[in-house]
Amino acid sequence: MDRLAIIGAGSWGTALSIVLAPRFADVRLWAFEPDLAQRMQQSRENDVYLPGFAIPSNVLVSNDLAESLDRADIVLGVMPSHLVRALYGQMLPHLTSEMVIVSATKGLETNTLLRPSEIIQELVCLQFRPRIAILSGPSFAREVAALNPTAIVISSLDEPLARCVQSEFAGSSFRLYTSSDPIGVEIGASIKNVVAIGAGVLEGMGLGHNPMAALITRGLAEMTRLAAALGGQAKTLAGLAGLGDLVLTCTGELSRNRTVGIELARGRKLDEIVASMHMVAEGIKTTTAARELAQRCSVEMPITEQMYQMLYHGLDPREAIRRLMERSLRGE
C-alpha cells in the first residue's frame, strides 16, 4: 500500500502524517480550513494545532477532499466526533470498496449515541460494505510527532485487516497491537475523556494523589461496565485502549479534557473555557452521550453522572465530589 489519505489536520492528524510519512510513498493530509491548508503546504508546519514540527516533504496538504482521497489505499479519519457524519457524507462519492478505512476519532455521536465506526458503517454501506479498523490508545500528538516511543491499538472484527494496518503503520517509534474488540476500544476511547475532566477537577482543587488513584480505578470500572453491556470484552479495557489511555489522559499535562476540569475547579465557566481553546475537548460532548447510553443500557456510571451535572447544570465541583464520596456503601 503506497497511498495514505489523512482526513483532519488537527494536532492528531498532523502528528500521524509525520510519524506515518516514512511508511508511504504518498501521504495526503486534508485540512478543513483553506487558509491553514495553504500555509501548511508552503511552510511545512501546522502553526495552529501543532507548531514546531516539520511536515515531511511527501505529505501533500490540501483542502480538496477529492484530491486528498484520490487513489488512496488507506483512508485515516481523524476528525472530531461531531463531524464524522457530515465529513463521511462528503467523502462518500470518493470512497471505493478497495480502500481500507481507519478511524482515529474518539467520542460518541450526541443524538444517536453511535460510535464513530458505527456511523461510518451506516453511511458507507449505502454504496458498499466498508473495511473498517479503529486506531486508539495512549498517544499525545506532540509526543508522537516528536517520535517518542508510543504503543497503541488497531482493532477490527476483520482480524487480517487489523494485522494489515498494523504492518503498514508500525515503525521504530510507533508500535501497534491488534485487537478484535472494536466496541471495547471505542468505548474506552470515549469514556476516558469524561473521567479525565474529573481528574482535572481534582488537580485544580489540589486534592492530591489519593482521590486521583480512586478516580482512575473507578472510572475504569465504569468504562468496563458500559463496554461489556454493549458487547465489548472486559480484557480490552485493561489494556492500552482502556487503562493505558485513561491513565495518560487523567495525568498528562497535554490532556485537553483534564485542562477543562482544572479550569472548572478554578471557577471558570464552561463556555469561557471552550472559547479559549483552539482544539476540541471531546469529553464535553461525550459526557451527554455517555450518560444517555448508560441509562439506555441500565449501567451505573456515577462519575459520568456527576460530570454531566457539573458541565451542564452548573453543579459545584466540590459538591460533585461530595456526592461521589457519600454514595451508599457497597463492595468493590
Protein backbone atom coordinates (compact mmCIF):
# COMPACT_ATOMS: atom_id res chain seq x y z
CA MET A 1 0.00 0.00 0.00
CA ASP A 2 1.56 3.27 -1.17
CA ARG A 3 -1.08 5.98 -0.71
CA LEU A 4 -2.42 7.23 2.61
CA ALA A 5 -5.14 9.86 2.97
CA ILE A 6 -5.49 11.52 6.39
CA ILE A 7 -8.75 13.43 6.81
CA GLY A 8 -8.35 16.01 9.55
CA ALA A 9 -5.34 18.24 10.13
CA GLY A 10 -5.70 18.98 13.81
CA SER A 11 -2.87 18.12 16.18
CA TRP A 12 -3.51 14.35 16.00
CA GLY A 13 -3.96 14.21 12.23
CA THR A 14 -0.82 16.26 11.70
CA ALA A 15 1.17 14.11 14.14
CA LEU A 16 0.02 10.96 12.32
CA SER A 17 1.12 12.44 9.00
CA ILE A 18 4.60 12.98 10.47
CA VAL A 19 5.03 9.54 12.03
CA LEU A 20 3.48 7.65 9.11
CA ALA A 21 5.10 9.57 6.23
CA PRO A 22 8.15 7.28 6.09
CA ARG A 23 5.82 4.28 5.64
CA PHE A 24 4.11 5.57 2.48
CA ALA A 25 5.24 6.96 -0.85
CA ASP A 26 2.37 9.46 -0.96
CA VAL A 27 0.51 10.98 2.00
CA ARG A 28 -2.40 13.39 1.56
CA LEU A 29 -3.44 15.46 4.59
CA TRP A 30 -6.84 17.18 4.32
CA ALA A 31 -7.40 20.35 6.33
CA PHE A 32 -10.84 21.87 6.89
CA GLU A 33 -9.57 25.46 6.78
CA PRO A 34 -8.40 26.51 3.26
CA ASP A 35 -6.01 29.14 4.59
CA LEU A 36 -4.43 26.68 7.02
CA ALA A 37 -4.01 24.09 4.27
CA GLN A 38 -2.25 26.65 2.09
CA ARG A 39 0.06 27.79 4.89
CA MET A 40 0.90 24.21 5.87
CA GLN A 41 1.73 23.27 2.29
CA GLN A 42 4.02 26.26 1.94
CA SER A 43 5.65 26.46 5.38
CA ARG A 44 5.61 22.69 6.11
CA GLU A 45 4.28 23.37 9.61
CA ASN A 46 0.86 23.40 11.30
CA ASP A 47 1.17 26.75 13.05
CA VAL A 48 -2.28 26.48 14.68
CA TYR A 49 -2.59 22.94 16.04
CA LEU A 50 0.95 21.54 16.14
CA PRO A 51 3.56 24.31 15.87
CA GLY A 52 7.24 23.46 15.93
CA PHE A 53 7.11 20.20 13.97
CA ALA A 54 8.17 19.85 10.34
CA ILE A 55 5.75 18.15 7.95
CA PRO A 56 7.62 15.67 5.72
CA SER A 57 8.08 16.51 2.05
CA ASN A 58 5.95 13.57 0.80
CA VAL A 59 2.88 14.93 2.62
CA LEU A 60 0.58 16.98 0.39
CA VAL A 61 -1.68 19.27 2.42
CA SER A 62 -4.95 20.15 0.73
CA ASN A 63 -8.46 21.48 1.37
CA ASP A 64 -9.82 19.43 -1.54
CA LEU A 65 -11.43 16.14 -0.42
CA ALA A 66 -11.43 14.63 -3.91
CA GLU A 67 -7.72 15.37 -4.34
CA SER A 68 -6.92 14.04 -0.87
CA LEU A 69 -8.81 10.77 -1.38
CA ASP A 70 -7.75 10.14 -4.98
CA ARG A 71 -6.46 6.54 -5.34
CA ALA A 72 -5.87 6.22 -1.59
CA ASP A 73 -5.18 2.73 -0.28
CA ILE A 74 -5.91 3.67 3.34
CA VAL A 75 -8.23 6.46 4.50
CA LEU A 76 -7.43 7.56 8.04
CA GLY A 77 -10.21 9.65 9.61
CA VAL A 78 -9.01 11.99 12.36
CA MET A 79 -11.90 14.43 12.64
CA PRO A 80 -13.76 15.38 15.86
CA SER A 81 -16.63 13.03 16.68
CA HIS A 82 -19.35 15.62 15.96
CA LEU A 83 -18.07 15.96 12.38
CA VAL A 84 -17.83 12.27 11.48
CA ARG A 85 -21.27 12.01 9.88
CA ALA A 86 -21.00 15.20 7.85
CA LEU A 87 -17.48 14.54 6.61
CA TYR A 88 -18.03 10.93 5.63
CA GLY A 89 -21.16 12.05 3.82
CA GLN A 90 -18.98 14.42 1.78
CA MET A 91 -16.33 11.75 1.30
CA LEU A 92 -18.75 9.08 0.12
CA PRO A 93 -18.56 9.83 -3.63
CA HIS A 94 -14.77 9.46 -3.46
CA LEU A 95 -14.58 6.23 -1.45
CA THR A 96 -14.20 2.81 -3.07
CA SER A 97 -14.59 -0.74 -1.82
CA GLU A 98 -10.84 -1.32 -2.21
CA MET A 99 -9.99 1.35 0.36
CA VAL A 100 -9.27 0.48 3.97
CA ILE A 101 -10.94 2.92 6.37
CA VAL A 102 -9.19 3.54 9.69
CA SER A 103 -11.00 5.65 12.29
CA ALA A 104 -8.88 7.53 14.83
CA THR A 105 -11.79 9.56 16.20
CA LYS A 106 -12.58 9.31 19.92
CA GLY A 107 -16.12 10.06 21.05
CA LEU A 108 -19.82 9.30 20.62
CA GLU A 109 -22.39 10.97 18.40
CA THR A 110 -24.62 13.03 20.66
CA ASN A 111 -28.04 12.36 19.14
CA THR A 112 -27.68 8.74 18.01
CA LEU A 113 -25.15 7.61 20.68
CA LEU A 114 -23.31 5.77 17.90
CA ARG A 115 -19.59 5.06 17.95
CA PRO A 116 -17.55 6.53 15.04
CA SER A 117 -17.18 3.16 13.30
CA GLU A 118 -20.95 2.63 13.50
CA ILE A 119 -21.57 5.97 11.79
CA ILE A 120 -19.08 5.09 9.05
CA GLN A 121 -20.67 1.68 8.60
CA GLU A 122 -24.14 3.20 8.36
CA LEU A 123 -23.12 5.75 5.72
CA VAL A 124 -20.72 3.76 3.57
CA CYS A 125 -22.99 0.71 3.43
CA LEU A 126 -25.21 2.81 1.19
CA GLN A 127 -22.60 2.14 -1.52
CA PHE A 128 -20.56 -0.88 -0.45
CA ARG A 129 -19.54 -2.87 2.60
CA PRO A 130 -16.58 -1.00 4.11
CA ARG A 131 -13.47 -2.50 5.61
CA ILE A 132 -13.06 -0.62 8.90
CA ALA A 133 -10.43 -0.59 11.65
CA ILE A 134 -10.10 1.61 14.75
CA LEU A 135 -6.87 3.25 15.88
CA SER A 136 -6.75 4.19 19.58
CA GLY A 137 -4.62 4.17 22.69
CA PRO A 138 -2.42 6.42 24.87
CA SER A 139 -0.95 8.95 22.47
CA PHE A 140 -0.45 12.67 22.89
CA ALA A 141 0.00 14.23 19.45
CA ARG A 142 3.10 16.26 20.35
CA GLU A 143 4.91 13.19 21.67
CA VAL A 144 4.01 11.15 18.59
CA ALA A 145 5.22 13.97 16.33
CA ALA A 146 8.47 14.12 18.34
CA LEU A 147 8.86 10.39 17.55
CA ASN A 148 8.75 9.44 21.23
CA PRO A 149 8.07 5.71 21.67
CA THR A 150 4.31 5.14 21.51
CA ALA A 151 2.24 1.94 21.71
CA ILE A 152 -1.39 1.92 20.60
CA VAL A 153 -4.08 -0.46 19.33
CA ILE A 154 -5.52 -1.22 15.90
CA SER A 155 -8.85 -3.02 16.19
CA SER A 156 -11.22 -4.65 13.73
CA LEU A 157 -13.68 -7.52 13.55
CA ASP A 158 -11.70 -8.45 10.43
CA GLU A 159 -8.51 -9.72 12.08
CA PRO A 160 -6.48 -9.98 8.82
CA LEU A 161 -7.37 -6.34 8.16
CA ALA A 162 -6.12 -5.32 11.61
CA ARG A 163 -2.87 -7.17 11.01
CA CYS A 164 -2.51 -5.50 7.61
CA VAL A 165 -2.85 -1.99 9.07
CA GLN A 166 -0.56 -2.97 11.92
CA SER A 167 2.12 -3.91 9.40
CA GLU A 168 1.62 -0.76 7.31
CA PHE A 169 1.65 1.70 10.24
CA ALA A 170 4.24 0.22 12.62
CA GLY A 171 7.67 1.84 12.84
CA SER A 172 10.59 2.31 15.20
CA SER A 173 8.70 4.82 17.38
CA PHE A 174 5.15 3.66 16.68
CA ARG A 175 4.14 0.19 17.88
CA LEU A 176 0.68 -1.24 17.22
CA TYR A 177 -1.08 -4.15 18.90
CA THR A 178 -4.08 -5.77 17.22
CA SER A 179 -7.47 -6.23 18.84
CA SER A 180 -10.65 -7.97 17.69
CA ASP A 181 -12.84 -5.87 20.00
CA PRO A 182 -13.75 -2.55 18.33
CA ILE A 183 -16.60 -1.99 20.81
CA GLY A 184 -14.28 -2.10 23.81
CA VAL A 185 -11.66 0.01 22.06
CA GLU A 186 -14.08 2.76 21.04
CA ILE A 187 -15.90 2.85 24.37
CA GLY A 188 -12.57 3.14 26.19
CA ALA A 189 -11.53 5.94 23.84
CA SER A 190 -14.75 7.83 24.55
CA ILE A 191 -15.31 7.42 28.29
CA LYS A 192 -11.72 8.09 29.33
CA ASN A 193 -12.22 11.70 28.23
CA VAL A 194 -15.19 12.07 30.57
CA VAL A 195 -13.21 10.69 33.51
CA ALA A 196 -10.28 12.97 32.62
CA ILE A 197 -12.44 16.04 33.21
CA GLY A 198 -12.95 14.75 36.75
CA ALA A 199 -9.20 14.22 37.07
CA GLY A 200 -8.67 17.83 36.12
CA VAL A 201 -11.12 18.93 38.81
CA LEU A 202 -9.12 17.02 41.43
CA GLU A 203 -5.89 18.56 40.15
CA GLY A 204 -7.36 22.06 40.07
CA MET A 205 -8.55 21.70 43.66
CA GLY A 206 -5.17 20.42 44.80
CA LEU A 207 -6.60 17.31 46.43
CA GLY A 208 -3.53 15.12 45.99
CA HIS A 209 -2.87 11.61 44.75
CA ASN A 210 -5.33 9.55 46.80
CA PRO A 211 -8.51 10.74 45.05
CA MET A 212 -6.77 10.62 41.66
CA ALA A 213 -5.97 6.94 42.10
CA ALA A 214 -9.56 6.29 43.19
CA LEU A 215 -11.00 8.23 40.25
CA ILE A 216 -8.89 6.38 37.67
CA THR A 217 -9.74 3.00 39.18
CA ARG A 218 -13.46 3.64 39.49
CA GLY A 219 -13.51 5.35 36.10
CA LEU A 220 -12.04 2.19 34.63
CA ALA A 221 -14.86 0.23 36.28
CA GLU A 222 -17.43 2.49 34.60
CA MET A 223 -15.79 2.12 31.20
CA THR A 224 -15.66 -1.64 31.57
CA ARG A 225 -19.29 -1.98 32.66
CA LEU A 226 -20.54 0.05 29.71
CA ALA A 227 -18.33 -1.74 27.18
CA ALA A 228 -19.44 -5.14 28.48
CA ALA A 229 -23.11 -4.13 28.32
CA LEU A 230 -22.63 -3.23 24.65
CA GLY A 231 -20.89 -6.49 23.81
CA GLY A 232 -17.26 -5.50 24.38
CA GLN A 233 -14.67 -7.50 26.28
CA ALA A 234 -13.54 -6.56 29.80
CA LYS A 235 -9.94 -7.51 28.99
CA THR A 236 -9.81 -4.80 26.31
CA LEU A 237 -10.39 -2.12 28.94
CA ALA A 238 -7.47 -3.46 30.98
CA GLY A 239 -5.14 -2.81 28.04
CA LEU A 240 -3.73 0.14 26.10
CA ALA A 241 -7.07 1.28 24.68
CA GLY A 242 -8.66 1.32 28.14
CA LEU A 243 -6.45 1.68 31.20
CA GLY A 244 -3.47 2.94 29.21
CA ASP A 245 -5.36 5.77 27.56
CA LEU A 246 -7.23 6.55 30.79
CA VAL A 247 -4.03 6.97 32.83
CA LEU A 248 -2.45 9.18 30.17
CA THR A 249 -5.48 11.42 29.77
CA CYS A 250 -6.06 11.77 33.51
CA THR A 251 -2.47 12.54 34.47
CA GLY A 252 -0.79 14.12 31.44
CA GLU A 253 -0.41 17.88 31.25
CA LEU A 254 -1.13 17.81 27.50
CA SER A 255 -4.66 16.46 28.09
CA ARG A 256 -7.31 18.92 26.90
CA ASN A 257 -10.07 17.23 28.88
CA ARG A 258 -8.01 17.36 32.07
CA THR A 259 -7.42 21.06 31.38
CA VAL A 260 -11.18 21.65 31.19
CA GLY A 261 -11.57 20.10 34.64
CA ILE A 262 -8.74 22.18 36.10
CA GLU A 263 -10.32 25.39 34.84
CA LEU A 264 -13.76 24.41 36.13
CA ALA A 265 -12.25 23.81 39.57
CA ARG A 266 -10.79 27.30 39.41
CA GLY A 267 -14.24 28.77 38.94
CA ARG A 268 -14.27 29.47 35.20
CA LYS A 269 -17.48 28.91 33.25
CA LEU A 270 -17.61 26.15 30.64
CA ASP A 271 -18.45 28.48 27.74
CA GLU A 272 -15.47 30.65 28.61
CA ILE A 273 -13.15 27.65 28.79
CA VAL A 274 -14.32 26.25 25.43
CA ALA A 275 -14.00 29.66 23.74
CA SER A 276 -10.38 29.91 24.88
CA MET A 277 -9.36 26.52 23.45
CA HIS A 278 -8.04 26.04 19.89
CA MET A 279 -8.81 22.32 19.90
CA VAL A 280 -11.80 20.18 20.81
CA ALA A 281 -12.08 18.60 24.25
CA GLU A 282 -14.10 15.54 23.26
CA GLY A 283 -15.16 14.74 26.82
CA ILE A 284 -17.54 17.71 26.96
CA LYS A 285 -19.90 16.42 24.26
CA THR A 286 -19.23 12.77 25.07
CA THR A 287 -20.44 13.21 28.66
CA THR A 288 -24.01 13.74 27.49
CA ALA A 289 -23.95 10.80 25.09
CA ALA A 290 -22.26 8.52 27.64
CA ARG A 291 -24.86 9.36 30.28
CA GLU A 292 -27.71 8.58 27.88
CA LEU A 293 -26.04 5.38 26.71
CA ALA A 294 -25.58 4.26 30.32
CA GLN A 295 -29.25 4.90 31.04
CA ARG A 296 -30.28 3.00 27.91
CA CYS A 297 -28.14 0.02 28.94
CA SER A 298 -29.09 0.25 32.67
CA VAL A 299 -25.41 0.67 33.57
CA GLU A 300 -24.46 2.61 36.69
CA MET A 301 -21.90 5.34 35.91
CA PRO A 302 -21.75 7.72 38.91
CA ILE A 303 -18.62 9.60 37.79
CA THR A 304 -20.15 10.26 34.38
CA GLU A 305 -23.37 11.42 36.05
CA GLN A 306 -21.56 13.94 38.26
CA MET A 307 -19.51 15.24 35.31
CA TYR A 308 -22.77 15.76 33.43
CA GLN A 309 -24.32 17.66 36.34
CA MET A 310 -21.20 19.79 36.67
CA LEU A 311 -20.84 20.57 32.94
CA TYR A 312 -24.48 21.12 32.04
CA HIS A 313 -26.25 22.11 35.24
CA GLY A 314 -23.59 24.15 36.96
CA LEU A 315 -23.02 21.77 39.88
CA ASP A 316 -20.15 22.99 42.04
CA PRO A 317 -17.12 20.67 41.67
CA ARG A 318 -16.88 20.30 45.45
CA GLU A 319 -20.49 19.17 45.60
CA ALA A 320 -19.84 16.66 42.80
CA ILE A 321 -17.02 15.14 44.83
CA ARG A 322 -19.14 15.09 47.98
CA ARG A 323 -21.92 13.23 46.16
CA LEU A 324 -19.46 10.62 44.89
CA MET A 325 -17.93 10.11 48.32
CA GLU A 326 -21.26 9.86 50.12
CA ARG A 327 -22.93 7.34 47.82
CA SER A 328 -24.31 4.22 49.52
CA LEU A 329 -21.57 1.87 50.64
CA ARG A 330 -21.00 -1.39 48.77
CA GLY A 331 -18.41 -3.97 47.81
CA GLU A 332 -15.88 -3.25 45.09
